Amino acid sequence: MDCYLHLGAQSLVLKNQIIGIFDLDSATVAMATRDFLASMQRGGAVRDAGEDLPKSFVLTQTKQGCVAALSPLNPSALLHRTRTDAAPNLLQGERHAN
């Protein structure tokens, strides 16, 4: 069965597709990261995982390419969920966020 990471609201990603989990405030200090996220935004590869102000982004590699999912959750909370059973394991056949 696939394991998912809940990013907030109704947004999930497959754990095995995660490239990295990043703090939005500290990661966007670097111009290269801001340029990278802006490029992904222009290409439609940024997903919003909630209506609240994002605190982190999760970079994933899907069949369609790289996707950055903005999450209102703290990156340490997301990281903790990847290492424990705190992340929901959904029944096969349910869809996850791209």
PDB file of N, CA and C in Angstrom:
ATOM      1  N   MET A   1       0.846  -1.178   0.000  1.00  0.00           N
ATOM      2  CA  MET A   1       0.000   0.000   0.000  1.00  0.00           C
ATOM      3  C   MET A   1       0.900   1.253   0.000  1.00  0.00           C
ATOM      4  N   ASP A   2       0.501   2.258  -0.743  1.00  0.00           N
ATOM      5  CA  ASP A   2       1.239   3.506  -0.817  1.00  0.00           C
ATOM      6  C   ASP A   2       1.074   4.307   0.471  1.00  0.00           C
ATOM      7  N   CYS A   3       2.124   5.028   0.850  1.00  0.00           N
ATOM      8  CA  CYS A   3       2.077   5.915   2.009  1.00  0.00           C
ATOM      9  C   CYS A   3       2.047   7.355   1.527  1.00  0.00           C
ATOM     10  N   TYR A   4       1.177   8.140   2.150  1.00  0.00           N
ATOM     11  CA  TYR A   4       0.978   9.527   1.765  1.00  0.00           C
ATOM     12  C   TYR A   4       1.375  10.460   2.892  1.00  0.00           C
ATOM     13  N   LEU A   5       1.747  11.672   2.526  1.00  0.00           N
ATOM     14  CA  LEU A   5       2.005  12.735   3.482  1.00  0.00           C
ATOM     15  C   LEU A   5       0.918  13.783   3.310  1.00  0.00           C
ATOM     16  N   HIS A   6       0.230  14.095   4.396  1.00  0.00           N
ATOM     17  CA  HIS A   6      -0.823  15.114   4.383  1.00  0.00           C
ATOM     18  C   HIS A   6      -0.168  16.484   4.530  1.00  0.00           C
ATOM     19  N   LEU A   7      -0.405  17.360   3.554  1.00  0.00           N
ATOM     20  CA  LEU A   7       0.222  18.682   3.538  1.00  0.00           C
ATOM     21  C   LEU A   7      -0.676  19.778   4.092  1.00  0.00           C
ATOM     22  N   GLY A   8      -1.928  19.475   4.297  1.00  0.00           N
ATOM     23  CA  GLY A   8      -2.897  20.462   4.747  1.00  0.00           C
ATOM     24  C   GLY A   8      -4.111  20.416   3.848  1.00  0.00           C
ATOM     25  N   ALA A   9      -5.236  20.877   4.376  1.00  0.00           N
ATOM     26  CA  ALA A   9      -6.511  20.859   3.658  1.00  0.00           C
ATOM     27  C   ALA A   9      -6.743  19.458   3.092  1.00  0.00           C
ATOM     28  N   GLN A  10      -6.979  19.351   1.812  1.00  0.00           N
ATOM     29  CA  GLN A  10      -7.242  18.058   1.162  1.00  0.00           C
ATOM     30  C   GLN A  10      -6.040  17.592   0.337  1.00  0.00           C
ATOM     31  N   SER A  11      -4.857  18.104   0.625  1.00  0.00           N
ATOM     32  CA  SER A  11      -3.697  17.846  -0.210  1.00  0.00           C
ATOM     33  C   SER A  11      -2.788  16.762   0.368  1.00  0.00           C
ATOM     34  N   LEU A  12      -2.472  15.791  -0.486  1.00  0.00           N
ATOM     35  CA  LEU A  12      -1.598  14.679  -0.126  1.00  0.00           C
ATOM     36  C   LEU A  12      -0.557  14.481  -1.212  1.00  0.00           C
ATOM     37  N   VAL A  13       0.608  13.984  -0.812  1.00  0.00           N
ATOM     38  CA  VAL A  13       1.623  13.565  -1.790  1.00  0.00           C
ATOM     39  C   VAL A  13       2.115  12.183  -1.386  1.00  0.00           C
ATOM     40  N   LEU A  14       2.540  11.432  -2.358  1.00  0.00           N
ATOM     41  CA  LEU A  14       3.148  10.139  -2.073  1.00  0.00           C
ATOM     42  C   LEU A  14       4.507  10.365  -1.415  1.00  0.00           C
ATOM     43  N   LYS A  15       4.744   9.673  -0.321  1.00  0.00           N
ATOM     44  CA  LYS A  15       6.017   9.834   0.388  1.00  0.00           C
ATOM     45  C   LYS A  15       7.211   9.493  -0.494  1.00  0.00           C
ATOM     46  N   ASN A  16       7.084   8.476  -1.333  1.00  0.00           N
ATOM     47  CA  ASN A  16       8.228   8.062  -2.145  1.00  0.00           C
ATOM     48  C   ASN A  16       8.516   9.020  -3.304  1.00  0.00           C
ATOM     49  N   GLN A  17       7.686  10.049  -3.495  1.00  0.00           N
ATOM     50  CA  GLN A  17       7.935  11.048  -4.534  1.00  0.00           C
ATOM     51  C   GLN A  17       8.585  12.315  -3.973  1.00  0.00           C
ATOM     52  N   ILE A  18       8.752  12.386  -2.656  1.00  0.00           N
ATOM     53  CA  ILE A  18       9.291  13.598  -2.030  1.00  0.00           C
ATOM     54  C   ILE A  18      10.785  13.716  -2.279  1.00  0.00           C
ATOM     55  N   ILE A  19      11.180  14.864  -2.811  1.00  0.00           N
ATOM     56  CA  ILE A  19      12.588  15.191  -3.008  1.00  0.00           C
ATOM     57  C   ILE A  19      13.105  15.931  -1.778  1.00  0.00           C
ATOM     58  N   GLY A  20      12.302  16.864  -1.259  1.00  0.00           N
ATOM     59  CA  GLY A  20      12.709  17.623  -0.090  1.00  0.00           C
ATOM     60  C   GLY A  20      11.568  18.420   0.500  1.00  0.00           C
ATOM     61  N   ILE A  21      11.725  18.768   1.779  1.00  0.00           N
ATOM     62  CA  ILE A  21      10.777  19.606   2.501  1.00  0.00           C
ATOM     63  C   ILE A  21      11.554  20.842   2.940  1.00  0.00           C
ATOM     64  N   PHE A  22      11.030  22.027   2.597  1.00  0.00           N
ATOM     65  CA  PHE A  22      11.775  23.260   2.799  1.00  0.00           C
ATOM     66  C   PHE A  22      10.971  24.299   3.570  1.00  0.00           C
ATOM     67  N   ASP A  23      11.638  25.018   4.446  1.00  0.00           N
ATOM     68  CA  ASP A  23      11.047  26.149   5.142  1.00  0.00           C
ATOM     69  C   ASP A  23      10.954  27.295   4.147  1.00  0.00           C
ATOM     70  N   LEU A  24       9.777  27.819   3.949  1.00  0.00           N
ATOM     71  CA  LEU A  24       9.571  28.838   2.917  1.00  0.00           C
ATOM     72  C   LEU A  24      10.324  30.123   3.233  1.00  0.00           C
ATOM     73  N   ASP A  25      10.351  30.531   4.503  1.00  0.00           N
ATOM     74  CA  ASP A  25      11.045  31.765   4.867  1.00  0.00           C
ATOM     75  C   ASP A  25      12.552  31.669   4.654  1.00  0.00           C
ATOM     76  N   SER A  26      13.169  30.611   5.160  1.00  0.00           N
ATOM     77  CA  SER A  26      14.625  30.518   5.045  1.00  0.00           C
ATOM     78  C   SER A  26      15.079  30.123   3.640  1.00  0.00           C
ATOM     79  N   ALA A  27      14.310  29.293   2.963  1.00  0.00           N
ATOM     80  CA  ALA A  27      14.709  28.847   1.622  1.00  0.00           C
ATOM     81  C   ALA A  27      14.628  29.972   0.604  1.00  0.00           C
ATOM     82  N   THR A  28      13.675  30.875   0.771  1.00  0.00           N
ATOM     83  CA  THR A  28      13.498  31.932  -0.223  1.00  0.00           C
ATOM     84  C   THR A  28      14.399  33.140   0.021  1.00  0.00           C
ATOM     85  N   VAL A  29      15.306  33.032   0.986  1.00  0.00           N
ATOM     86  CA  VAL A  29      16.308  34.084   1.161  1.00  0.00           C
ATOM     87  C   VAL A  29      17.241  34.090  -0.047  1.00  0.00           C
ATOM     88  N   ALA A  30      17.539  32.913  -0.559  1.00  0.00           N
ATOM     89  CA  ALA A  30      18.428  32.794  -1.716  1.00  0.00           C
ATOM     90  C   ALA A  30      17.678  33.146  -3.002  1.00  0.00           C
ATOM     91  N   MET A  31      18.290  33.987  -3.805  1.00  0.00           N
ATOM     92  CA  MET A  31      17.694  34.405  -5.075  1.00  0.00           C
ATOM     93  C   MET A  31      17.445  33.207  -5.986  1.00  0.00           C
ATOM     94  N   ALA A  32      18.341  32.229  -5.961  1.00  0.00           N
ATOM     95  CA  ALA A  32      18.183  31.046  -6.816  1.00  0.00           C
ATOM     96  C   ALA A  32      16.894  30.295  -6.479  1.00  0.00           C
ATOM     97  N   THR A  33      16.571  30.193  -5.192  1.00  0.00           N
ATOM     98  CA  THR A  33      15.344  29.504  -4.789  1.00  0.00           C
ATOM     99  C   THR A  33      14.123  30.298  -5.214  1.00  0.00           C
ATOM    100  N   ARG A  34      14.161  31.608  -5.035  1.00  0.00           N
ATOM    101  CA  ARG A  34      13.040  32.451  -5.477  1.00  0.00           C
ATOM    102  C   ARG A  34      12.838  32.323  -6.980  1.00  0.00           C
ATOM    103  N   ASP A  35      13.929  32.356  -7.738  1.00  0.00           N
ATOM    104  CA  ASP A  35      13.840  32.199  -9.192  1.00  0.00           C
ATOM    105  C   ASP A  35      13.282  30.826  -9.571  1.00  0.00           C
ATOM    106  N   PHE A  36      13.729  29.787  -8.870  1.00  0.00           N
ATOM    107  CA  PHE A  36      13.257  28.423  -9.122  1.00  0.00           C
ATOM    108  C   PHE A  36      11.749  28.328  -8.895  1.00  0.00           C
ATOM    109  N   LEU A  37      11.270  28.837  -7.750  1.00  0.00           N
ATOM    110  CA  LEU A  37       9.840  28.779  -7.453  1.00  0.00           C
ATOM    111  C   LEU A  37       9.028  29.630  -8.424  1.00  0.00           C
ATOM    112  N   ALA A  38       9.557  30.791  -8.806  1.00  0.00           N
ATOM    113  CA  ALA A  38       8.864  31.643  -9.776  1.00  0.00           C
ATOM    114  C   ALA A  38       8.747  30.936 -11.126  1.00  0.00           C
ATOM    115  N   SER A  39       9.803  30.257 -11.531  1.00  0.00           N
ATOM    116  CA  SER A  39       9.790  29.504 -12.783  1.00  0.00           C
ATOM    117  C   SER A  39       8.774  28.372 -12.722  1.00  0.00           C
ATOM    118  N   MET A  40       8.740  27.679 -11.598  1.00  0.00           N
ATOM    119  CA  MET A  40       7.765  26.593 -11.435  1.00  0.00           C
ATOM    120  C   MET A  40       6.345  27.147 -11.428  1.00  0.00           C
ATOM    121  N   GLN A  41       6.155  28.319 -10.816  1.00  0.00           N
ATOM    122  CA  GLN A  41       4.828  28.955 -10.783  1.00  0.00           C
ATOM    123  C   GLN A  41       4.375  29.287 -12.204  1.00  0.00           C
ATOM    124  N   ARG A  42       5.268  29.874 -12.997  1.00  0.00           N
ATOM    125  CA  ARG A  42       4.938  30.206 -14.390  1.00  0.00           C
ATOM    126  C   ARG A  42       4.588  28.955 -15.195  1.00  0.00           C
ATOM    127  N   GLY A  43       5.253  27.847 -14.863  1.00  0.00           N
ATOM    128  CA  GLY A  43       5.002  26.593 -15.566  1.00  0.00           C
ATOM    129  C   GLY A  43       3.826  25.802 -15.023  1.00  0.00           C
ATOM    130  N   GLY A  44       3.146  26.355 -14.025  1.00  0.00           N
ATOM    131  CA  GLY A  44       1.980  25.678 -13.459  1.00  0.00           C
ATOM    132  C   GLY A  44       2.324  24.506 -12.556  1.00  0.00           C
ATOM    133  N   ALA A  45       3.549  24.469 -12.036  1.00  0.00           N
ATOM    134  CA  ALA A  45       3.994  23.334 -11.231  1.00  0.00           C
ATOM    135  C   ALA A  45       3.997  23.632  -9.732  1.00  0.00           C
ATOM    136  N   VAL A  46       3.277  24.689  -9.317  1.00  0.00           N
ATOM    137  CA  VAL A  46       3.158  24.996  -7.896  1.00  0.00           C
ATOM    138  C   VAL A  46       1.711  24.775  -7.489  1.00  0.00           C
ATOM    139  N   ARG A  47       1.517  23.984  -6.442  1.00  0.00           N
ATOM    140  CA  ARG A  47       0.183  23.685  -5.915  1.00  0.00           C
ATOM    141  C   ARG A  47       0.064  24.281  -4.523  1.00  0.00           C
ATOM    142  N   ASP A  48      -1.094  24.799  -4.203  1.00  0.00           N
ATOM    143  CA  ASP A  48      -1.351  25.359  -2.877  1.00  0.00           C
ATOM    144  C   ASP A  48      -2.110  24.331  -2.060  1.00  0.00           C
ATOM    145  N   ALA A  49      -1.566  23.940  -0.911  1.00  0.00           N
ATOM    146  CA  ALA A  49      -2.163  22.889  -0.083  1.00  0.00           C
ATOM    147  C   ALA A  49      -3.036  23.456   1.032  1.00  0.00           C
ATOM    148  N   GLY A  50      -3.485  24.676   0.897  1.00  0.00           N
ATOM    149  CA  GLY A  50      -4.343  25.247   1.920  1.00  0.00           C
ATOM    150  C   GLY A  50      -4.569  26.721   1.677  1.00  0.00           C
ATOM    151  N   GLU A  51      -5.520  27.262   2.391  1.00  0.00           N
ATOM    152  CA  GLU A  51      -5.843  28.680   2.237  1.00  0.00           C
ATOM    153  C   GLU A  51      -5.008  29.561   3.156  1.00  0.00           C
ATOM    154  N   ASP A  52      -4.389  28.970   4.186  1.00  0.00           N
ATOM    155  CA  ASP A  52      -3.570  29.733   5.113  1.00  0.00           C
ATOM    156  C   ASP A  52      -2.243  30.110   4.471  1.00  0.00           C
ATOM    157  N   LEU A  53      -1.565  31.063   5.087  1.00  0.00           N
ATOM    158  CA  LEU A  53      -0.254  31.491   4.626  1.00  0.00           C
ATOM    159  C   LEU A  53       0.703  30.296   4.640  1.00  0.00           C
ATOM    160  N   PRO A  54       1.373  30.003   3.526  1.00  0.00           N
ATOM    161  CA  PRO A  54       2.264  28.842   3.497  1.00  0.00           C
ATOM    162  C   PRO A  54       3.510  29.061   4.359  1.00  0.00           C
ATOM    163  N   LYS A  55       3.916  27.992   5.050  1.00  0.00           N
ATOM    164  CA  LYS A  55       5.121  28.014   5.877  1.00  0.00           C
ATOM    165  C   LYS A  55       6.222  27.153   5.269  1.00  0.00           C
ATOM    166  N   SER A  56       5.847  26.275   4.368  1.00  0.00           N
ATOM    167  CA  SER A  56       6.826  25.356   3.797  1.00  0.00           C
ATOM    168  C   SER A  56       6.425  24.996   2.374  1.00  0.00           C
ATOM    169  N   PHE A  57       7.367  24.379   1.675  1.00  0.00           N
ATOM    170  CA  PHE A  57       7.005  23.768   0.397  1.00  0.00           C
ATOM    171  C   PHE A  57       7.674  22.404   0.311  1.00  0.00           C
ATOM    172  N   VAL A  58       6.955  21.496  -0.335  1.00  0.00           N
ATOM    173  CA  VAL A  58       7.426  20.129  -0.509  1.00  0.00           C
ATOM    174  C   VAL A  58       7.652  19.928  -2.001  1.00  0.00           C
ATOM    175  N   LEU A  59       8.869  19.611  -2.343  1.00  0.00           N
ATOM    176  CA  LEU A  59       9.230  19.375  -3.737  1.00  0.00           C
ATOM    177  C   LEU A  59       9.099  17.884  -4.013  1.00  0.00           C
ATOM    178  N   THR A  60       8.324  17.550  -5.042  1.00  0.00           N
ATOM    179  CA  THR A  60       8.110  16.147  -5.393  1.00  0.00           C
ATOM    180  C   THR A  60       8.435  15.909  -6.860  1.00  0.00           C
ATOM    181  N   GLN A  61       8.754  14.657  -7.156  1.00  0.00           N
ATOM    182  CA  GLN A  61       8.968  14.233  -8.537  1.00  0.00           C
ATOM    183  C   GLN A  61       7.831  13.294  -8.896  1.00  0.00           C
ATOM    184  N   THR A  62       6.969  13.721  -9.809  1.00  0.00           N
ATOM    185  CA  THR A  62       5.848  12.901 -10.250  1.00  0.00           C
ATOM    186  C   THR A  62       6.106  12.453 -11.692  1.00  0.00           C
ATOM    187  N   LYS A  63       5.207  11.681 -12.228  1.00  0.00           N
ATOM    188  CA  LYS A  63       5.332  11.248 -13.626  1.00  0.00           C
ATOM    189  C   LYS A  63       5.291  12.456 -14.563  1.00  0.00           C
ATOM    190  N   GLN A  64       4.607  13.526 -14.124  1.00  0.00           N
ATOM    191  CA  GLN A  64       4.485  14.732 -14.944  1.00  0.00           C
ATOM    192  C   GLN A  64       5.676  15.673 -14.771  1.00  0.00           C
ATOM    193  N   GLY A  65       6.559  15.423 -13.829  1.00  0.00           N
ATOM    194  CA  GLY A  65       7.716  16.273 -13.574  1.00  0.00           C
ATOM    195  C   GLY A  65       7.738  16.738 -12.126  1.00  0.00           C
ATOM    196  N   CYS A  66       8.563  17.743 -11.858  1.00  0.00           N
ATOM    197  CA  CYS A  66       8.680  18.280 -10.500  1.00  0.00           C
ATOM    198  C   CYS A  66       7.474  19.148 -10.173  1.00  0.00           C
ATOM    199  N   VAL A  67       7.022  19.041  -8.917  1.00  0.00           N
ATOM    200  CA  VAL A  67       5.910  19.838  -8.418  1.00  0.00           C
ATOM    201  C   VAL A  67       6.313  20.369  -7.055  1.00  0.00           C
ATOM    202  N   ALA A  68       6.037  21.645  -6.812  1.00  0.00           N
ATOM    203  CA  ALA A  68       6.248  22.248  -5.497  1.00  0.00           C
ATOM    204  C   ALA A  68       4.873  22.481  -4.879  1.00  0.00           C
ATOM    205  N   ALA A  69       4.639  21.861  -3.738  1.00  0.00           N
ATOM    206  CA  ALA A  69       3.368  22.021  -3.035  1.00  0.00           C
ATOM    207  C   ALA A  69       3.586  22.926  -1.833  1.00  0.00           C
ATOM    208  N   LEU A  70       2.884  24.064  -1.811  1.00  0.00           N
ATOM    209  CA  LEU A  70       2.964  24.980  -0.684  1.00  0.00           C
ATOM    210  C   LEU A  70       2.076  24.457   0.427  1.00  0.00           C
ATOM    211  N   SER A  71       2.597  24.469   1.658  1.00  0.00           N
ATOM    212  CA  SER A  71       1.847  23.924   2.788  1.00  0.00           C
ATOM    213  C   SER A  71       1.804  24.933   3.933  1.00  0.00           C
ATOM    214  N   PRO A  72       0.651  25.030   4.604  1.00  0.00           N
ATOM    215  CA  PRO A  72       0.552  25.900   5.773  1.00  0.00           C
ATOM    216  C   PRO A  72       1.196  25.280   7.012  1.00  0.00           C
ATOM    217  N   LEU A  73       1.656  24.038   6.898  1.00  0.00           N
ATOM    218  CA  LEU A  73       2.254  23.349   8.039  1.00  0.00           C
ATOM    219  C   LEU A  73       3.743  23.653   8.148  1.00  0.00           C
ATOM    220  N   ASN A  74       4.225  23.645   9.377  1.00  0.00           N
ATOM    221  CA  ASN A  74       5.631  23.867   9.659  1.00  0.00           C
ATOM    222  C   ASN A  74       6.452  22.725   9.054  1.00  0.00           C
ATOM    223  N   PRO A  75       7.614  23.022   8.460  1.00  0.00           N
ATOM    224  CA  PRO A  75       8.405  21.957   7.839  1.00  0.00           C
ATOM    225  C   PRO A  75       8.825  20.868   8.830  1.00  0.00           C
ATOM    226  N   SER A  76       9.065  21.221  10.083  1.00  0.00           N
ATOM    227  CA  SER A  76       9.448  20.187  11.056  1.00  0.00           C
ATOM    228  C   SER A  76       8.282  19.239  11.325  1.00  0.00           C
ATOM    229  N   ALA A  77       7.051  19.741  11.294  1.00  0.00           N
ATOM    230  CA  ALA A  77       5.877  18.883  11.466  1.00  0.00           C
ATOM    231  C   ALA A  77       5.744  17.930  10.277  1.00  0.00           C
ATOM    232  N   LEU A  78       5.976  18.442   9.072  1.00  0.00           N
ATOM    233  CA  LEU A  78       5.916  17.588   7.884  1.00  0.00           C
ATOM    234  C   LEU A  78       7.008  16.518   7.926  1.00  0.00           C
ATOM    235  N   LEU A  79       8.200  16.934   8.311  1.00  0.00           N
ATOM    236  CA  LEU A  79       9.305  15.974   8.405  1.00  0.00           C
ATOM    237  C   LEU A  79       8.981  14.891   9.429  1.00  0.00           C
ATOM    238  N   HIS A  80       8.429  15.280  10.557  1.00  0.00           N
ATOM    239  CA  HIS A  80       8.032  14.312  11.587  1.00  0.00           C
ATOM    240  C   HIS A  80       7.018  13.310  11.027  1.00  0.00           C
ATOM    241  N   ARG A  81       6.078  13.812  10.242  1.00  0.00           N
ATOM    242  CA  ARG A  81       5.055  12.938   9.652  1.00  0.00           C
ATOM    243  C   ARG A  81       5.663  11.931   8.675  1.00  0.00           C
ATOM    244  N   THR A  82       6.760  12.299   8.026  1.00  0.00           N
ATOM    245  CA  THR A  82       7.391  11.350   7.092  1.00  0.00           C
ATOM    246  C   THR A  82       8.096  10.230   7.830  1.00  0.00           C
ATOM    247  N   ARG A  83       8.452  10.476   9.088  1.00  0.00           N
ATOM    248  CA  ARG A  83       9.219   9.494   9.860  1.00  0.00           C
ATOM    249  C   ARG A  83       8.371   8.660  10.803  1.00  0.00           C
ATOM    250  N   THR A  84       7.093   8.959  10.889  1.00  0.00           N
ATOM    251  CA  THR A  84       6.217   8.240  11.811  1.00  0.00           C
ATOM    252  C   THR A  84       4.970   7.765  11.080  1.00  0.00           C
ATOM    253  N   ASP A  85       4.120   7.141  11.802  1.00  0.00           N
ATOM    254  CA  ASP A  85       2.838   6.718  11.258  1.00  0.00           C
ATOM    255  C   ASP A  85       1.805   7.818  11.354  1.00  0.00           C
ATOM    256  N   ALA A  86       2.236   9.051  11.657  1.00  0.00           N
ATOM    257  CA  ALA A  86       1.300  10.160  11.774  1.00  0.00           C
ATOM    258  C   ALA A  86       0.708  10.537  10.418  1.00  0.00           C
ATOM    259  N   ALA A  87       1.394  10.195   9.318  1.00  0.00           N
ATOM    260  CA  ALA A  87       0.865  10.490   7.985  1.00  0.00           C
ATOM    261  C   ALA A  87      -0.211   9.473   7.656  1.00  0.00           C
ATOM    262  N   PRO A  88      -1.310   9.920   7.030  1.00  0.00           N
ATOM    263  CA  PRO A  88      -2.393   8.984   6.725  1.00  0.00           C
ATOM    264  C   PRO A  88      -1.991   7.985   5.649  1.00  0.00           C
ATOM    265  N   ASN A  89      -2.355   6.755   5.858  1.00  0.00           N
ATOM    266  CA  ASN A  89      -2.198   5.731   4.833  1.00  0.00           C
ATOM    267  C   ASN A  89      -3.586   5.492   4.270  1.00  0.00           C
ATOM    268  N   LEU A  90      -3.772   5.829   3.020  1.00  0.00           N
ATOM    269  CA  LEU A  90      -5.089   5.733   2.406  1.00  0.00           C
ATOM    270  C   LEU A  90      -5.293   4.394   1.738  1.00  0.00           C
ATOM    271  N   LEU A  91      -6.534   4.039   1.576  1.00  0.00           N
ATOM    272  CA  LEU A  91      -6.862   2.810   0.873  1.00  0.00           C
ATOM    273  C   LEU A  91      -6.443   2.930  -0.581  1.00  0.00           C
ATOM    274  N   GLN A  92      -6.024   1.823  -1.148  1.00  0.00           N
ATOM    275  CA  GLN A  92      -5.636   1.838  -2.553  1.00  0.00           C
ATOM    276  C   GLN A  92      -6.819   2.279  -3.394  1.00  0.00           C
ATOM    277  N   GLY A  93      -6.519   3.031  -4.417  1.00  0.00           N
ATOM    278  CA  GLY A  93      -7.568   3.508  -5.309  1.00  0.00           C
ATOM    279  C   GLY A  93      -7.963   4.950  -5.026  1.00  0.00           C
ATOM    280  N   GLU A  94      -7.659   5.469  -3.829  1.00  0.00           N
ATOM    281  CA  GLU A  94      -7.947   6.878  -3.569  1.00  0.00           C
ATOM    282  C   GLU A  94      -6.877   7.717  -4.232  1.00  0.00           C
ATOM    283  N   ARG A  95      -7.255   8.886  -4.657  1.00  0.00           N
ATOM    284  CA  ARG A  95      -6.326   9.755  -5.382  1.00  0.00           C
ATOM    285  C   ARG A  95      -5.552  10.610  -4.416  1.00  0.00           C
ATOM    286  N   HIS A  96      -4.377  11.065  -4.851  1.00  0.00           N
ATOM    287  CA  HIS A  96      -3.542  11.978  -4.075  1.00  0.00           C
ATOM    288  C   HIS A  96      -3.320  13.240  -4.878  1.00  0.00           C
ATOM    289  N   ALA A  97      -2.804  14.271  -4.209  1.00  0.00           N
ATOM    290  CA  ALA A  97      -2.508  15.549  -4.890  1.00  0.00           C
ATOM    291  C   ALA A  97      -1.364  15.342  -5.856  1.00  0.00           C
ATOM    292  N   ASN A  98      -1.414  16.045  -6.978  1.00  0.00           N
ATOM    293  CA  ASN A  98      -0.331  15.945  -7.970  1.00  0.00           C
ATOM    294  C   ASN A  98       0.857  16.677  -7.510  1.00  0.00           C
TER     295      ASN A  98
END
